[in-house]
N, C-alpha and C. Protein backbone atom coordinates (compact mmCIF):
# COMPACT_ATOMS: atom_id res chain seq x y z
N MET A 1 -98.00 11.75 31.16
CA MET A 1 -97.34 12.97 30.76
C MET A 1 -98.40 14.07 30.64
N TYR A 2 -98.18 15.17 31.34
CA TYR A 2 -99.10 16.30 31.34
C TYR A 2 -98.57 17.42 30.45
N ASN A 3 -99.46 18.02 29.70
CA ASN A 3 -99.13 19.15 28.85
C ASN A 3 -100.13 20.28 29.10
N LEU A 4 -99.65 21.49 29.00
CA LEU A 4 -100.49 22.68 29.11
C LEU A 4 -100.54 23.32 27.73
N VAL A 5 -101.74 23.53 27.22
CA VAL A 5 -101.89 24.15 25.90
C VAL A 5 -102.85 25.33 26.02
N PHE A 6 -102.59 26.38 25.24
CA PHE A 6 -103.46 27.54 25.32
C PHE A 6 -103.51 28.29 24.01
N ASP A 7 -104.57 29.14 23.90
CA ASP A 7 -104.83 29.87 22.67
C ASP A 7 -105.47 31.21 23.00
N THR A 8 -104.89 32.28 22.47
CA THR A 8 -105.48 33.62 22.61
C THR A 8 -105.57 34.29 21.24
N THR A 9 -105.58 33.51 20.17
CA THR A 9 -105.49 34.09 18.83
C THR A 9 -106.83 34.55 18.27
N ALA A 10 -107.94 34.09 18.81
CA ALA A 10 -109.25 34.44 18.26
C ALA A 10 -110.02 35.29 19.26
N THR A 11 -111.32 35.23 19.20
CA THR A 11 -112.16 36.02 20.09
C THR A 11 -112.48 35.25 21.37
N SER A 12 -111.50 34.53 21.85
CA SER A 12 -111.65 33.78 23.10
C SER A 12 -110.29 33.55 23.72
N CYS A 13 -110.32 33.09 24.94
CA CYS A 13 -109.11 32.65 25.64
C CYS A 13 -109.39 31.23 26.09
N SER A 14 -108.52 30.31 25.74
CA SER A 14 -108.72 28.93 26.15
C SER A 14 -107.41 28.34 26.66
N VAL A 15 -107.55 27.53 27.70
CA VAL A 15 -106.41 26.86 28.32
C VAL A 15 -106.85 25.43 28.61
N ALA A 16 -105.98 24.47 28.33
CA ALA A 16 -106.29 23.08 28.62
C ALA A 16 -105.09 22.39 29.26
N LEU A 17 -105.37 21.62 30.28
CA LEU A 17 -104.38 20.73 30.88
C LEU A 17 -104.72 19.34 30.38
N GLN A 18 -103.76 18.70 29.73
CA GLN A 18 -104.00 17.40 29.12
C GLN A 18 -103.06 16.36 29.70
N LYS A 19 -103.58 15.14 29.78
CA LYS A 19 -102.74 13.99 30.12
C LYS A 19 -102.88 12.99 28.99
N ASP A 20 -101.78 12.68 28.36
CA ASP A 20 -101.75 11.75 27.23
C ASP A 20 -102.80 12.12 26.17
N GLY A 21 -102.94 13.42 25.91
CA GLY A 21 -103.84 13.91 24.88
C GLY A 21 -105.29 14.03 25.28
N LYS A 22 -105.62 13.70 26.52
CA LYS A 22 -107.01 13.79 26.99
C LYS A 22 -107.15 14.94 27.98
N LEU A 23 -108.26 15.66 27.87
CA LEU A 23 -108.50 16.82 28.71
C LEU A 23 -108.66 16.43 30.17
N VAL A 24 -107.88 17.07 31.04
CA VAL A 24 -107.97 16.89 32.48
C VAL A 24 -108.72 18.07 33.09
N SER A 25 -108.39 19.27 32.63
CA SER A 25 -109.04 20.48 33.12
C SER A 25 -108.92 21.54 32.03
N GLY A 26 -109.88 22.45 32.00
CA GLY A 26 -109.84 23.46 30.98
C GLY A 26 -110.54 24.75 31.36
N PHE A 27 -110.25 25.77 30.58
CA PHE A 27 -110.85 27.09 30.73
C PHE A 27 -111.15 27.60 29.33
N TYR A 28 -112.35 28.18 29.16
CA TYR A 28 -112.71 28.77 27.88
C TYR A 28 -113.62 29.95 28.15
N LYS A 29 -113.31 31.09 27.55
CA LYS A 29 -114.15 32.27 27.70
C LYS A 29 -114.12 33.07 26.42
N GLU A 30 -115.31 33.34 25.89
CA GLU A 30 -115.44 34.22 24.72
C GLU A 30 -115.17 35.64 25.18
N MET A 31 -114.34 36.35 24.42
CA MET A 31 -114.03 37.74 24.74
C MET A 31 -113.46 38.44 23.52
N ASP A 32 -113.89 39.67 23.32
CA ASP A 32 -113.36 40.44 22.20
C ASP A 32 -111.99 41.02 22.52
N PHE A 33 -111.79 41.38 23.79
CA PHE A 33 -110.53 41.97 24.23
C PHE A 33 -110.14 41.38 25.58
N GLY A 34 -108.86 41.45 25.92
CA GLY A 34 -108.40 41.05 27.25
C GLY A 34 -107.93 39.62 27.36
N GLN A 35 -107.72 38.93 26.24
CA GLN A 35 -107.28 37.54 26.30
C GLN A 35 -105.94 37.40 27.01
N ALA A 36 -105.02 38.31 26.74
CA ALA A 36 -103.70 38.23 27.36
C ALA A 36 -103.79 38.37 28.88
N GLU A 37 -104.67 39.25 29.34
CA GLU A 37 -104.82 39.44 30.78
C GLU A 37 -105.47 38.23 31.43
N ALA A 38 -106.40 37.59 30.74
CA ALA A 38 -107.10 36.43 31.29
C ALA A 38 -106.23 35.17 31.26
N LEU A 39 -105.29 35.09 30.34
CA LEU A 39 -104.50 33.88 30.14
C LEU A 39 -103.75 33.44 31.38
N ILE A 40 -102.96 34.30 31.95
CA ILE A 40 -102.11 33.91 33.08
C ILE A 40 -102.95 33.51 34.29
N LEU A 41 -104.03 34.24 34.55
CA LEU A 41 -104.92 33.88 35.66
C LEU A 41 -105.58 32.53 35.42
N ALA A 42 -105.97 32.25 34.19
CA ALA A 42 -106.59 30.96 33.87
C ALA A 42 -105.59 29.82 34.07
N ILE A 43 -104.36 30.01 33.63
CA ILE A 43 -103.33 28.99 33.82
C ILE A 43 -103.09 28.76 35.31
N LYS A 44 -102.97 29.84 36.06
CA LYS A 44 -102.76 29.73 37.51
C LYS A 44 -103.90 28.95 38.17
N ASP A 45 -105.14 29.28 37.81
CA ASP A 45 -106.30 28.62 38.40
C ASP A 45 -106.33 27.13 38.08
N ILE A 46 -106.07 26.78 36.82
CA ILE A 46 -106.09 25.36 36.42
C ILE A 46 -105.02 24.58 37.17
N LEU A 47 -103.81 25.11 37.26
CA LEU A 47 -102.74 24.41 37.95
C LEU A 47 -103.04 24.28 39.44
N GLN A 48 -103.61 25.33 40.06
CA GLN A 48 -103.95 25.26 41.48
C GLN A 48 -105.06 24.24 41.74
N GLN A 49 -106.05 24.16 40.85
CA GLN A 49 -107.14 23.20 41.01
C GLN A 49 -106.62 21.77 41.07
N LYS A 50 -105.62 21.49 40.29
CA LYS A 50 -105.06 20.13 40.22
C LYS A 50 -103.82 19.96 41.09
N ASN A 51 -103.50 21.00 41.86
CA ASN A 51 -102.33 20.98 42.75
C ASN A 51 -101.04 20.69 41.96
N PHE A 52 -100.90 21.37 40.83
CA PHE A 52 -99.75 21.22 39.95
C PHE A 52 -98.87 22.44 40.04
N GLN A 53 -97.62 22.25 39.72
CA GLN A 53 -96.66 23.33 39.52
C GLN A 53 -96.24 23.28 38.05
N MET A 54 -95.70 24.36 37.55
CA MET A 54 -95.24 24.37 36.16
C MET A 54 -94.18 23.29 35.93
N THR A 55 -93.40 22.98 36.94
CA THR A 55 -92.35 21.97 36.79
C THR A 55 -92.91 20.56 36.65
N ASP A 56 -94.20 20.36 36.93
CA ASP A 56 -94.83 19.05 36.76
C ASP A 56 -95.21 18.77 35.31
N LEU A 57 -95.11 19.78 34.46
CA LEU A 57 -95.53 19.64 33.07
C LEU A 57 -94.41 19.11 32.19
N ALA A 58 -94.79 18.27 31.25
CA ALA A 58 -93.82 17.75 30.28
C ALA A 58 -93.67 18.68 29.09
N GLY A 59 -94.72 19.46 28.80
CA GLY A 59 -94.65 20.33 27.65
C GLY A 59 -95.68 21.44 27.69
N ILE A 60 -95.43 22.45 26.88
CA ILE A 60 -96.33 23.59 26.73
C ILE A 60 -96.61 23.73 25.24
N GLY A 61 -97.89 23.85 24.89
CA GLY A 61 -98.28 24.05 23.51
C GLY A 61 -99.05 25.34 23.36
N VAL A 62 -98.89 25.98 22.21
CA VAL A 62 -99.53 27.26 21.99
C VAL A 62 -99.99 27.35 20.53
N CYS A 63 -101.15 27.94 20.34
CA CYS A 63 -101.67 28.15 18.99
C CYS A 63 -100.98 29.37 18.38
N VAL A 64 -100.55 29.25 17.15
CA VAL A 64 -99.84 30.35 16.50
C VAL A 64 -100.62 30.95 15.34
N GLY A 65 -101.90 30.69 15.29
CA GLY A 65 -102.73 31.34 14.29
C GLY A 65 -103.50 30.35 13.45
N PRO A 66 -104.29 30.84 12.56
CA PRO A 66 -104.44 32.26 12.24
C PRO A 66 -105.18 32.98 13.36
N GLY A 67 -105.06 34.27 13.35
CA GLY A 67 -105.71 35.09 14.34
C GLY A 67 -105.07 36.45 14.41
N SER A 68 -105.44 37.19 15.41
CA SER A 68 -104.90 38.54 15.54
C SER A 68 -103.42 38.49 15.90
N PHE A 69 -102.68 39.44 15.40
CA PHE A 69 -101.25 39.52 15.69
C PHE A 69 -101.01 39.65 17.19
N THR A 70 -101.78 40.49 17.84
CA THR A 70 -101.61 40.70 19.28
C THR A 70 -101.92 39.42 20.06
N GLY A 71 -102.97 38.70 19.65
CA GLY A 71 -103.32 37.45 20.30
C GLY A 71 -102.24 36.40 20.15
N VAL A 72 -101.72 36.28 18.94
CA VAL A 72 -100.63 35.32 18.69
C VAL A 72 -99.41 35.69 19.54
N ARG A 73 -99.08 36.97 19.55
CA ARG A 73 -97.92 37.44 20.30
C ARG A 73 -98.09 37.18 21.80
N ALA A 74 -99.29 37.35 22.33
CA ALA A 74 -99.54 37.12 23.76
C ALA A 74 -99.29 35.65 24.13
N SER A 75 -99.82 34.74 23.31
CA SER A 75 -99.63 33.30 23.58
C SER A 75 -98.16 32.89 23.49
N ILE A 76 -97.51 33.33 22.44
CA ILE A 76 -96.10 32.96 22.26
C ILE A 76 -95.23 33.56 23.36
N SER A 77 -95.50 34.79 23.75
CA SER A 77 -94.73 35.42 24.83
C SER A 77 -94.89 34.67 26.14
N ALA A 78 -96.11 34.26 26.44
CA ALA A 78 -96.35 33.50 27.67
C ALA A 78 -95.60 32.16 27.62
N ALA A 79 -95.70 31.46 26.51
CA ALA A 79 -95.02 30.17 26.38
C ALA A 79 -93.51 30.31 26.48
N ARG A 80 -92.94 31.31 25.83
CA ARG A 80 -91.50 31.53 25.89
C ARG A 80 -91.05 31.90 27.30
N THR A 81 -91.85 32.71 27.99
CA THR A 81 -91.52 33.09 29.36
C THR A 81 -91.48 31.88 30.26
N PHE A 82 -92.50 31.00 30.15
CA PHE A 82 -92.51 29.79 30.96
C PHE A 82 -91.30 28.91 30.63
N ALA A 83 -91.00 28.77 29.35
CA ALA A 83 -89.86 27.93 28.95
C ALA A 83 -88.55 28.46 29.48
N LEU A 84 -88.37 29.77 29.46
CA LEU A 84 -87.14 30.37 29.97
C LEU A 84 -87.04 30.29 31.50
N ALA A 85 -88.17 30.36 32.15
CA ALA A 85 -88.16 30.37 33.62
C ALA A 85 -88.02 28.98 34.22
N LEU A 86 -88.36 27.96 33.47
CA LEU A 86 -88.32 26.60 34.00
C LEU A 86 -86.99 25.92 33.68
N PRO A 87 -86.57 25.02 34.56
CA PRO A 87 -85.30 24.31 34.31
C PRO A 87 -85.39 23.37 33.13
């Protein structure tokens, strides 16, 4: 079972693709600003590296804080968008 988890709540952007709780692929970049812009590209890159589609995932996880309001909102918005767009 594969899960995609991500976090934009702090001074970094991180994305991890996990299988049964173990890291398969990941992205991490320290940044003061621009986490929301980096998030979608990082997710796209990780999925392309492993030849995955969003429909191959069993779940999506997102960090909800503590952290900046804008960062929390960016992660939750991305997760909700994926959930609404997928069957």
